Amino acid sequence: MKEKVLIGVDIGGTKCAVTVGLPAGSDIVIRDKSAFPTTDVEGTISDIKRTIKEVLERNQLSNGDIGAIGISCGGPLDSRTGVIMSPPNLPGWDNIPIVKILSEEFGVPAAVHNDANACALAEWKFGAGKGTRNMVFMTFGTGLGAGIIIEGQLYTGTNDNAGELGHIRLENYGPVGYGKSGSFEGFCSGSGIEQLARDLAKEAMQMGGNVSWCPDGDLSGITAKKVAEALRNGDPLAKKVYEISARHLGAGLSLVIDILNPEMIVIGSIYARNEDVFKPLMDEVISQEALPLARRVCKIVPAALGEAVGDYAALSIAADIQ
């Protein structure tokens, strides 16, 4: 019997993508991908339908060859009813029943999850967390989001708000993330690292010091990438920025370990690119703060799918329907 393909639909604020994947045992092979700009609601939904039909035709497939459709989108949304509920980066997407729309159009099962949960499924099914039953995935990108796998199932909470680790307050004061100063996201995200870097650079310059990654004194030009490059060049102030982030990463993960007792925590983006800097200080804090029995069974590893995680994310939702 011919193996049915999976369709992944990634809906973003500026662009969308449709991916075709073919299951291959416990893996998946990406056969095709097509991206297009996000426009208004009706136009984008029409483009999604059109693009799915085009990639099917291009690969000599029909609706009957589709096993399921997975949809990844920024929240808020209701994964149980399949409704997108006014995401801030998608103006006009107010209570859009995207699952019903695509399921009826193509006559196959469909499901939707927020992008952090979709990435968690991707790393669990096809990446670093493959083979685990209890796993936490953290984005550590521009912001800090998370997806939770418990006993081999994605856990989304009562109304899809599980995994919002970035909102946890770690300090009374500190960089602002997720609308809260001193939050986990404030200390452990690209935007948080930029805030820390601006504060430390301002302190240094006011005391007459030079900042290699801010030579013209323009604090607005500081980015997490520039600070990382300075770190690699041995800049002591950049090192201090990352040390602050690393220690707070350890503090936040200690809470996750104590509460969820996972066997693995997978961390993407900034951590994955700078694990050698984060890990020693992160581990030091975890050894002091987390329960010994829980921390001994928990591996903390960088995400394995890297830049391809977006391609696998929506397909993983489809694979989870099977």
Foldseek 3Di string as FASTA:
>chain_A
DDFAWEWFWEDFLFKIKIWIWTDDPLAIHTDDMDMDTDDADVVNLVVVLVVVVVVCVVVVHALVRYAEFFYEAADDDFQVQQFGDDDVSHPPSHGHNSQVVVCVSSVHGYTYAYQQQLLVLLCCRHWDNDPFQWEKEWELEQFTFIWTGHRNRTDQPPGRPPGRQQAAAPDQAAADGPNHGRGLRLLRHFNNLLVLLLVLCVVQVVVVHADPLCRVVDSVPDTSVSLVVVVVVPGPSSLVSLLSSLLSLLVSVLVVLQPRLGQEYEYEDPCQVPVVSNVPNSVVNSVVRHDPVSVVRYYYYYIGCHPCSVVSRRSSRGVVVD
